[in-house]
Amino acid sequence: LLIIPAIFVAQQQGVEVFQDGKLIGEGRLIFAVLP
């Protein structure tokens, strides 16, 4: 409930959150997308 909406908020702000049709996960999610 925290991470998925946060990813979509990031996308709304122009941050790249999808890669090859899949949501970016694990290391890149925590240390790149969310920061």
PDB file of all heavy atoms in Angstrom:
ATOM      1  N   LEU A   1       0.818  -1.218   0.000  1.00  0.00           N
ATOM      2  CA  LEU A   1       0.000   0.000   0.000  1.00  0.00           C
ATOM      3  C   LEU A   1       0.851   1.267   0.000  1.00  0.00           C
ATOM      4  O   LEU A   1       0.382   2.329  -0.397  1.00  0.00           O
ATOM      5  CB  LEU A   1      -0.918   0.020   1.238  1.00  0.00           C
ATOM      6  CG  LEU A   1      -2.198  -0.803   1.182  1.00  0.00           C
ATOM      7  CD1 LEU A   1      -2.960  -0.658   2.501  1.00  0.00           C
ATOM      8  CD2 LEU A   1      -3.095  -0.376   0.020  1.00  0.00           C
ATOM      9  N   LEU A   2       2.100   1.133   0.449  1.00  0.00           N
ATOM     10  CA  LEU A   2       3.012   2.281   0.421  1.00  0.00           C
ATOM     11  C   LEU A   2       3.795   2.346  -0.886  1.00  0.00           C
ATOM     12  O   LEU A   2       3.811   3.376  -1.570  1.00  0.00           O
ATOM     13  CB  LEU A   2       3.995   2.194   1.604  1.00  0.00           C
ATOM     14  CG  LEU A   2       5.177   3.170   1.575  1.00  0.00           C
ATOM     15  CD1 LEU A   2       4.690   4.621   1.629  1.00  0.00           C
ATOM     16  CD2 LEU A   2       6.130   2.890   2.715  1.00  0.00           C
ATOM     17  N   ILE A   3       4.431   1.235  -1.249  1.00  0.00           N
ATOM     18  CA  ILE A   3       5.403   1.247  -2.352  1.00  0.00           C
ATOM     19  C   ILE A   3       4.743   1.434  -3.719  1.00  0.00           C
ATOM     20  O   ILE A   3       5.190   2.261  -4.525  1.00  0.00           O
ATOM     21  CB  ILE A   3       6.242  -0.051  -2.351  1.00  0.00           C
ATOM     22  CG1 ILE A   3       7.026  -0.187  -1.041  1.00  0.00           C
ATOM     23  CG2 ILE A   3       7.182  -0.083  -3.551  1.00  0.00           C
ATOM     24  CD1 ILE A   3       8.103   0.841  -0.820  1.00  0.00           C
ATOM     25  N   ILE A   4       3.673   0.676  -4.004  1.00  0.00           N
ATOM     26  CA  ILE A   4       3.071   0.743  -5.335  1.00  0.00           C
ATOM     27  C   ILE A   4       2.500   2.139  -5.628  1.00  0.00           C
ATOM     28  O   ILE A   4       2.797   2.721  -6.680  1.00  0.00           O
ATOM     29  CB  ILE A   4       2.001  -0.351  -5.530  1.00  0.00           C
ATOM     30  CG1 ILE A   4       2.605  -1.741  -5.297  1.00  0.00           C
ATOM     31  CG2 ILE A   4       1.395  -0.270  -6.926  1.00  0.00           C
ATOM     32  CD1 ILE A   4       3.782  -2.062  -6.185  1.00  0.00           C
ATOM     33  N   PRO A   5       1.692   2.732  -4.736  1.00  0.00           N
ATOM     34  CA  PRO A   5       1.250   4.106  -4.991  1.00  0.00           C
ATOM     35  C   PRO A   5       2.422   5.085  -5.107  1.00  0.00           C
ATOM     36  O   PRO A   5       2.386   5.999  -5.936  1.00  0.00           O
ATOM     37  CB  PRO A   5       0.375   4.435  -3.770  1.00  0.00           C
ATOM     38  CG  PRO A   5      -0.131   3.116  -3.315  1.00  0.00           C
ATOM     39  CD  PRO A   5       1.011   2.162  -3.559  1.00  0.00           C
ATOM     40  N   ALA A   6       3.471   4.880  -4.303  1.00  0.00           N
ATOM     41  CA  ALA A   6       4.646   5.765  -4.378  1.00  0.00           C
ATOM     42  C   ALA A   6       5.294   5.686  -5.753  1.00  0.00           C
ATOM     43  O   ALA A   6       5.729   6.706  -6.316  1.00  0.00           O
ATOM     44  CB  ALA A   6       5.659   5.402  -3.295  1.00  0.00           C
ATOM     45  N   ILE A   7       5.341   4.490  -6.334  1.00  0.00           N
ATOM     46  CA  ILE A   7       5.917   4.316  -7.667  1.00  0.00           C
ATOM     47  C   ILE A   7       5.089   5.077  -8.708  1.00  0.00           C
ATOM     48  O   ILE A   7       5.630   5.744  -9.595  1.00  0.00           O
ATOM     49  CB  ILE A   7       6.007   2.820  -8.032  1.00  0.00           C
ATOM     50  CG1 ILE A   7       7.061   2.126  -7.172  1.00  0.00           C
ATOM     51  CG2 ILE A   7       6.346   2.639  -9.505  1.00  0.00           C
ATOM     52  CD1 ILE A   7       7.104   0.630  -7.340  1.00  0.00           C
ATOM     53  N   PHE A   8       3.764   4.980  -8.584  1.00  0.00           N
ATOM     54  CA  PHE A   8       2.899   5.676  -9.541  1.00  0.00           C
ATOM     55  C   PHE A   8       2.946   7.196  -9.357  1.00  0.00           C
ATOM     56  O   PHE A   8       2.835   7.941 -10.336  1.00  0.00           O
ATOM     57  CB  PHE A   8       1.463   5.146  -9.433  1.00  0.00           C
ATOM     58  CG  PHE A   8       1.239   3.881 -10.196  1.00  0.00           C
ATOM     59  CD1 PHE A   8       1.656   2.658  -9.685  1.00  0.00           C
ATOM     60  CD2 PHE A   8       0.640   3.903 -11.446  1.00  0.00           C
ATOM     61  CE1 PHE A   8       1.462   1.478 -10.393  1.00  0.00           C
ATOM     62  CE2 PHE A   8       0.440   2.728 -12.174  1.00  0.00           C
ATOM     63  CZ  PHE A   8       0.859   1.514 -11.645  1.00  0.00           C
ATOM     64  N   VAL A   9       3.127   7.643  -8.119  1.00  0.00           N
ATOM     65  CA  VAL A   9       3.336   9.075  -7.865  1.00  0.00           C
ATOM     66  C   VAL A   9       4.630   9.522  -8.533  1.00  0.00           C
ATOM     67  O   VAL A   9       4.698  10.593  -9.163  1.00  0.00           O
ATOM     68  CB  VAL A   9       3.373   9.378  -6.351  1.00  0.00           C
ATOM     69  CG1 VAL A   9       3.819  10.816  -6.096  1.00  0.00           C
ATOM     70  CG2 VAL A   9       2.006   9.139  -5.724  1.00  0.00           C
ATOM     71  N   ALA A  10       5.676   8.679  -8.414  1.00  0.00           N
ATOM     72  CA  ALA A  10       6.961   8.991  -9.050  1.00  0.00           C
ATOM     73  C   ALA A  10       6.800   9.082 -10.568  1.00  0.00           C
ATOM     74  O   ALA A  10       7.355   9.982 -11.213  1.00  0.00           O
ATOM     75  CB  ALA A  10       7.992   7.923  -8.685  1.00  0.00           C
ATOM     76  N   GLN A  11       6.024   8.174 -11.146  1.00  0.00           N
ATOM     77  CA  GLN A  11       5.782   8.221 -12.591  1.00  0.00           C
ATOM     78  C   GLN A  11       5.080   9.521 -12.984  1.00  0.00           C
ATOM     79  O   GLN A  11       5.392  10.126 -14.009  1.00  0.00           O
ATOM     80  CB  GLN A  11       4.949   7.014 -13.020  1.00  0.00           C
ATOM     81  CG  GLN A  11       4.776   6.908 -14.534  1.00  0.00           C
ATOM     82  CD  GLN A  11       3.884   5.756 -14.931  1.00  0.00           C
ATOM     83  OE1 GLN A  11       2.918   5.442 -14.242  1.00  0.00           O
ATOM     84  NE2 GLN A  11       4.211   5.107 -16.040  1.00  0.00           N
ATOM     85  N   GLN A  12       4.142   9.944 -12.160  1.00  0.00           N
ATOM     86  CA  GLN A  12       3.430  11.200 -12.397  1.00  0.00           C
ATOM     87  C   GLN A  12       4.388  12.387 -12.409  1.00  0.00           C
ATOM     88  O   GLN A  12       4.179  13.376 -13.109  1.00  0.00           O
ATOM     89  CB  GLN A  12       2.376  11.391 -11.291  1.00  0.00           C
ATOM     90  CG  GLN A  12       1.375  12.502 -11.539  1.00  0.00           C
ATOM     91  CD  GLN A  12       0.312  12.123 -12.564  1.00  0.00           C
ATOM     92  OE1 GLN A  12       0.041  10.953 -12.752  1.00  0.00           O
ATOM     93  NE2 GLN A  12      -0.268  13.101 -13.235  1.00  0.00           N
ATOM     94  N   GLN A  13       5.485  12.248 -11.628  1.00  0.00           N
ATOM     95  CA  GLN A  13       6.492  13.314 -11.538  1.00  0.00           C
ATOM     96  C   GLN A  13       7.561  13.201 -12.624  1.00  0.00           C
ATOM     97  O   GLN A  13       8.533  13.946 -12.610  1.00  0.00           O
ATOM     98  CB  GLN A  13       7.167  13.277 -10.155  1.00  0.00           C
ATOM     99  CG  GLN A  13       6.222  13.516  -8.985  1.00  0.00           C
ATOM    100  CD  GLN A  13       5.679  14.923  -8.953  1.00  0.00           C
ATOM    101  OE1 GLN A  13       6.310  15.851  -9.446  1.00  0.00           O
ATOM    102  NE2 GLN A  13       4.484  15.097  -8.393  1.00  0.00           N
ATOM    103  N   GLY A  14       7.395  12.207 -13.524  1.00  0.00           N
ATOM    104  CA  GLY A  14       8.344  12.074 -14.630  1.00  0.00           C
ATOM    105  C   GLY A  14       9.485  11.114 -14.377  1.00  0.00           C
ATOM    106  O   GLY A  14      10.415  11.023 -15.183  1.00  0.00           O
ATOM    107  N   VAL A  15       9.431  10.381 -13.260  1.00  0.00           N
ATOM    108  CA  VAL A  15      10.483   9.404 -12.958  1.00  0.00           C
ATOM    109  C   VAL A  15      10.181   8.106 -13.705  1.00  0.00           C
ATOM    110  O   VAL A  15       9.031   7.651 -13.740  1.00  0.00           O
ATOM    111  CB  VAL A  15      10.546   9.123 -11.435  1.00  0.00           C
ATOM    112  CG1 VAL A  15      11.638   8.099 -11.131  1.00  0.00           C
ATOM    113  CG2 VAL A  15      10.798  10.414 -10.664  1.00  0.00           C
ATOM    114  N   GLU A  16      11.201   7.514 -14.321  1.00  0.00           N
ATOM    115  CA  GLU A  16      11.014   6.252 -15.050  1.00  0.00           C
ATOM    116  C   GLU A  16      10.808   5.110 -14.056  1.00  0.00           C
ATOM    117  O   GLU A  16      11.668   4.846 -13.209  1.00  0.00           O
ATOM    118  CB  GLU A  16      12.237   5.940 -15.918  1.00  0.00           C
ATOM    119  CG  GLU A  16      12.061   4.677 -16.764  1.00  0.00           C
ATOM    120  CD  GLU A  16      13.346   4.230 -17.455  1.00  0.00           C
ATOM    121  OE1 GLU A  16      14.375   4.937 -17.312  1.00  0.00           O
ATOM    122  OE2 GLU A  16      13.318   3.181 -18.104  1.00  0.00           O
ATOM    123  N   VAL A  17       9.645   4.446 -14.133  1.00  0.00           N
ATOM    124  CA  VAL A  17       9.349   3.382 -13.177  1.00  0.00           C
ATOM    125  C   VAL A  17       9.091   2.035 -13.850  1.00  0.00           C
ATOM    126  O   VAL A  17       9.009   1.009 -13.182  1.00  0.00           O
ATOM    127  CB  VAL A  17       8.135   3.744 -12.289  1.00  0.00           C
ATOM    128  CG1 VAL A  17       8.402   5.005 -11.492  1.00  0.00           C
ATOM    129  CG2 VAL A  17       6.869   3.883 -13.116  1.00  0.00           C
ATOM    130  N   PHE A  18       8.959   2.008 -15.161  1.00  0.00           N
ATOM    131  CA  PHE A  18       8.734   0.759 -15.882  1.00  0.00           C
ATOM    132  C   PHE A  18       9.953   0.408 -16.739  1.00  0.00           C
ATOM    133  O   PHE A  18      10.595   1.290 -17.295  1.00  0.00           O
ATOM    134  CB  PHE A  18       7.497   0.854 -16.778  1.00  0.00           C
ATOM    135  CG  PHE A  18       6.198   0.779 -16.021  1.00  0.00           C
ATOM    136  CD1 PHE A  18       5.536   1.938 -15.640  1.00  0.00           C
ATOM    137  CD2 PHE A  18       5.648  -0.450 -15.696  1.00  0.00           C
ATOM    138  CE1 PHE A  18       4.339   1.874 -14.938  1.00  0.00           C
ATOM    139  CE2 PHE A  18       4.442  -0.523 -14.997  1.00  0.00           C
ATOM    140  CZ  PHE A  18       3.792   0.633 -14.616  1.00  0.00           C
ATOM    141  N   GLN A  19      10.223  -0.888 -16.822  1.00  0.00           N
ATOM    142  CA  GLN A  19      11.317  -1.371 -17.666  1.00  0.00           C
ATOM    143  C   GLN A  19      10.848  -2.677 -18.306  1.00  0.00           C
ATOM    144  O   GLN A  19      10.496  -3.623 -17.585  1.00  0.00           O
ATOM    145  CB  GLN A  19      12.572  -1.605 -16.819  1.00  0.00           C
ATOM    146  CG  GLN A  19      13.868  -1.527 -17.592  1.00  0.00           C
ATOM    147  CD  GLN A  19      15.062  -1.458 -16.650  1.00  0.00           C
ATOM    148  OE1 GLN A  19      15.147  -2.205 -15.699  1.00  0.00           O
ATOM    149  NE2 GLN A  19      15.987  -0.564 -16.924  1.00  0.00           N
ATOM    150  N   ASP A  20      10.824  -2.716 -19.634  1.00  0.00           N
ATOM    151  CA  ASP A  20      10.343  -3.895 -20.357  1.00  0.00           C
ATOM    152  C   ASP A  20       8.936  -4.303 -19.912  1.00  0.00           C
ATOM    153  O   ASP A  20       8.619  -5.488 -19.775  1.00  0.00           O
ATOM    154  CB  ASP A  20      11.304  -5.079 -20.177  1.00  0.00           C
ATOM    155  CG  ASP A  20      12.706  -4.767 -20.668  1.00  0.00           C
ATOM    156  OD1 ASP A  20      12.818  -4.054 -21.678  1.00  0.00           O
ATOM    157  OD2 ASP A  20      13.679  -5.223 -20.027  1.00  0.00           O
ATOM    158  N   GLY A  21       8.093  -3.306 -19.668  1.00  0.00           N
ATOM    159  CA  GLY A  21       6.702  -3.565 -19.287  1.00  0.00           C
ATOM    160  C   GLY A  21       6.496  -3.989 -17.854  1.00  0.00           C
ATOM    161  O   GLY A  21       5.386  -4.278 -17.429  1.00  0.00           O
ATOM    162  N   LYS A  22       7.573  -4.043 -17.081  1.00  0.00           N
ATOM    163  CA  LYS A  22       7.486  -4.460 -15.683  1.00  0.00           C
ATOM    164  C   LYS A  22       7.898  -3.302 -14.779  1.00  0.00           C
ATOM    165  O   LYS A  22       8.757  -2.494 -15.141  1.00  0.00           O
ATOM    166  CB  LYS A  22       8.419  -5.656 -15.411  1.00  0.00           C
ATOM    167  CG  LYS A  22       8.051  -6.924 -16.158  1.00  0.00           C
ATOM    168  CD  LYS A  22       6.979  -7.693 -15.414  1.00  0.00           C
ATOM    169  CE  LYS A  22       6.741  -9.072 -16.038  1.00  0.00           C
ATOM    170  NZ  LYS A  22       5.681  -9.803 -15.344  1.00  0.00           N
ATOM    171  N   LEU A  23       7.283  -3.260 -13.591  1.00  0.00           N
ATOM    172  CA  LEU A  23       7.703  -2.251 -12.622  1.00  0.00           C
ATOM    173  C   LEU A  23       9.131  -2.531 -12.178  1.00  0.00           C
ATOM    174  O   LEU A  23       9.496  -3.683 -11.926  1.00  0.00           O
ATOM    175  CB  LEU A  23       6.792  -2.286 -11.396  1.00  0.00           C
ATOM    176  CG  LEU A  23       5.483  -1.497 -11.470  1.00  0.00           C
ATOM    177  CD1 LEU A  23       4.682  -1.718 -10.198  1.00  0.00           C
ATOM    178  CD2 LEU A  23       5.754  -0.010 -11.641  1.00  0.00           C
ATOM    179  N   ILE A  24       9.913  -1.486 -12.078  1.00  0.00           N
ATOM    180  CA  ILE A  24      11.281  -1.628 -11.577  1.00  0.00           C
ATOM    181  C   ILE A  24      11.210  -2.085 -10.125  1.00  0.00           C
ATOM    182  O   ILE A  24      10.434  -1.564  -9.334  1.00  0.00           O
ATOM    183  CB  ILE A  24      12.041  -0.284 -11.675  1.00  0.00           C
ATOM    184  CG1 ILE A  24      12.279   0.066 -13.146  1.00  0.00           C
ATOM    185  CG2 ILE A  24      13.348  -0.339 -10.911  1.00  0.00           C
ATOM    186  CD1 ILE A  24      12.823   1.452 -13.367  1.00  0.00           C
ATOM    187  N   GLY A  25      12.000  -3.070  -9.773  1.00  0.00           N
ATOM    188  CA  GLY A  25      11.945  -3.594  -8.407  1.00  0.00           C
ATOM    189  C   GLY A  25      13.293  -3.617  -7.727  1.00  0.00           C
ATOM    190  O   GLY A  25      14.299  -3.157  -8.251  1.00  0.00           O
ATOM    191  N   GLU A  26      13.280  -4.148  -6.532  1.00  0.00           N
ATOM    192  CA  GLU A  26      14.455  -4.414  -5.715  1.00  0.00           C
ATOM    193  C   GLU A  26      15.372  -3.204  -5.596  1.00  0.00           C
ATOM    194  O   GLU A  26      14.926  -2.110  -5.249  1.00  0.00           O
ATOM    195  CB  GLU A  26      15.170  -5.656  -6.252  1.00  0.00           C
ATOM    196  CG  GLU A  26      14.266  -6.881  -6.192  1.00  0.00           C
ATOM    197  CD  GLU A  26      14.913  -8.137  -6.715  1.00  0.00           C
ATOM    198  OE1 GLU A  26      16.002  -8.068  -7.292  1.00  0.00           O
ATOM    199  OE2 GLU A  26      14.297  -9.198  -6.546  1.00  0.00           O
ATOM    200  N   GLY A  27      16.669  -3.382  -5.871  1.00  0.00           N
ATOM    201  CA  GLY A  27      17.639  -2.327  -5.597  1.00  0.00           C
ATOM    202  C   GLY A  27      17.337  -0.996  -6.258  1.00  0.00           C
ATOM    203  O   GLY A  27      17.384   0.060  -5.628  1.00  0.00           O
ATOM    204  N   ARG A  28      16.996  -1.031  -7.540  1.00  0.00           N
ATOM    205  CA  ARG A  28      16.764   0.233  -8.255  1.00  0.00           C
ATOM    206  C   ARG A  28      15.542   0.964  -7.719  1.00  0.00           C
ATOM    207  O   ARG A  28      15.504   2.183  -7.689  1.00  0.00           O
ATOM    208  CB  ARG A  28      16.610  -0.029  -9.757  1.00  0.00           C
ATOM    209  CG  ARG A  28      17.933  -0.214 -10.478  1.00  0.00           C
ATOM    210  CD  ARG A  28      17.803   0.094 -11.950  1.00  0.00           C
ATOM    211  NE  ARG A  28      17.351   1.461 -12.193  1.00  0.00           N
ATOM    212  CZ  ARG A  28      16.722   1.848 -13.296  1.00  0.00           C
ATOM    213  NH1 ARG A  28      16.444   0.960 -14.232  1.00  0.00           N
ATOM    214  NH2 ARG A  28      16.350   3.082 -13.461  1.00  0.00           N
ATOM    215  N   LEU A  29      14.537   0.198  -7.306  1.00  0.00           N
ATOM    216  CA  LEU A  29      13.335   0.817  -6.745  1.00  0.00           C
ATOM    217  C   LEU A  29      13.683   1.603  -5.481  1.00  0.00           C
ATOM    218  O   LEU A  29      13.318   2.773  -5.339  1.00  0.00           O
ATOM    219  CB  LEU A  29      12.303  -0.269  -6.423  1.00  0.00           C
ATOM    220  CG  LEU A  29      11.134   0.148  -5.527  1.00  0.00           C
ATOM    221  CD1 LEU A  29      10.282   1.189  -6.222  1.00  0.00           C
ATOM    222  CD2 LEU A  29      10.301  -1.055  -5.128  1.00  0.00           C
ATOM    223  N   ILE A  30      14.383   0.968  -4.575  1.00  0.00           N
ATOM    224  CA  ILE A  30      14.660   1.573  -3.269  1.00  0.00           C
ATOM    225  C   ILE A  30      15.706   2.679  -3.356  1.00  0.00           C
ATOM    226  O   ILE A  30      15.581   3.713  -2.702  1.00  0.00           O
ATOM    227  CB  ILE A  30      15.135   0.487  -2.265  1.00  0.00           C
ATOM    228  CG1 ILE A  30      14.038  -0.553  -2.064  1.00  0.00           C
ATOM    229  CG2 ILE A  30      15.535   1.110  -0.931  1.00  0.00           C
ATOM    230  CD1 ILE A  30      12.755  -0.023  -1.477  1.00  0.00           C
ATOM    231  N   PHE A  31      16.731   2.472  -4.170  1.00  0.00           N
ATOM    232  CA  PHE A  31      17.866   3.405  -4.149  1.00  0.00           C
ATOM    233  C   PHE A  31      17.911   4.361  -5.335  1.00  0.00           C
ATOM    234  O   PHE A  31      18.806   5.199  -5.411  1.00  0.00           O
ATOM    235  CB  PHE A  31      19.178   2.611  -4.068  1.00  0.00           C
ATOM    236  CG  PHE A  31      19.242   1.728  -2.854  1.00  0.00           C
ATOM    237  CD1 PHE A  31      19.322   0.352  -2.985  1.00  0.00           C
ATOM    238  CD2 PHE A  31      19.199   2.275  -1.577  1.00  0.00           C
ATOM    239  CE1 PHE A  31      19.365  -0.468  -1.868  1.00  0.00           C
ATOM    240  CE2 PHE A  31      19.241   1.459  -0.460  1.00  0.00           C
ATOM    241  CZ  PHE A  31      19.328   0.084  -0.599  1.00  0.00           C
ATOM    242  N   ALA A  32      16.960   4.248  -6.263  1.00  0.00           N
ATOM    243  CA  ALA A  32      16.945   5.188  -7.398  1.00  0.00           C
ATOM    244  C   ALA A  32      15.571   5.828  -7.560  1.00  0.00           C
ATOM    245  O   ALA A  32      15.428   7.044  -7.474  1.00  0.00           O
ATOM    246  CB  ALA A  32      17.357   4.456  -8.681  1.00  0.00           C
ATOM    247  N   VAL A  33      14.543   5.003  -7.754  1.00  0.00           N
ATOM    248  CA  VAL A  33      13.206   5.527  -8.039  1.00  0.00           C
ATOM    249  C   VAL A  33      12.654   6.337  -6.873  1.00  0.00           C
ATOM    250  O   VAL A  33      12.242   7.494  -7.034  1.00  0.00           O
ATOM    251  CB  VAL A  33      12.231   4.377  -8.401  1.00  0.00           C
ATOM    252  CG1 VAL A  33      10.805   4.915  -8.534  1.00  0.00           C
ATOM    253  CG2 VAL A  33      12.670   3.705  -9.694  1.00  0.00           C
ATOM    254  N   LEU A  34      12.641   5.751  -5.680  1.00  0.00           N
ATOM    255  CA  LEU A  34      12.046   6.456  -4.537  1.00  0.00           C
ATOM    256  C   LEU A  34      12.829   7.696  -4.118  1.00  0.00           C
ATOM    257  O   LEU A  34      12.221   8.741  -3.856  1.00  0.00           O
ATOM    258  CB  LEU A  34      11.848   5.492  -3.363  1.00  0.00           C
ATOM    259  CG  LEU A  34      10.795   4.402  -3.609  1.00  0.00           C
ATOM    260  CD1 LEU A  34      10.627   3.509  -2.384  1.00  0.00           C
ATOM    261  CD2 LEU A  34       9.447   5.007  -3.987  1.00  0.00           C
ATOM    262  N   PRO A  35      14.177   7.665  -4.059  1.00  0.00           N
ATOM    263  CA  PRO A  35      14.897   8.909  -3.772  1.00  0.00           C
ATOM    264  C   PRO A  35      14.625  10.009  -4.796  1.00  0.00           C
ATOM    265  O   PRO A  35      14.542  11.187  -4.430  1.00  0.00           O
ATOM    266  CB  PRO A  35      16.379   8.476  -3.799  1.00  0.00           C
ATOM    267  CG  PRO A  35      16.337   7.049  -3.371  1.00  0.00           C
ATOM    268  CD  PRO A  35      15.083   6.503  -3.999  1.00  0.00           C
TER     269      PRO A  35
END
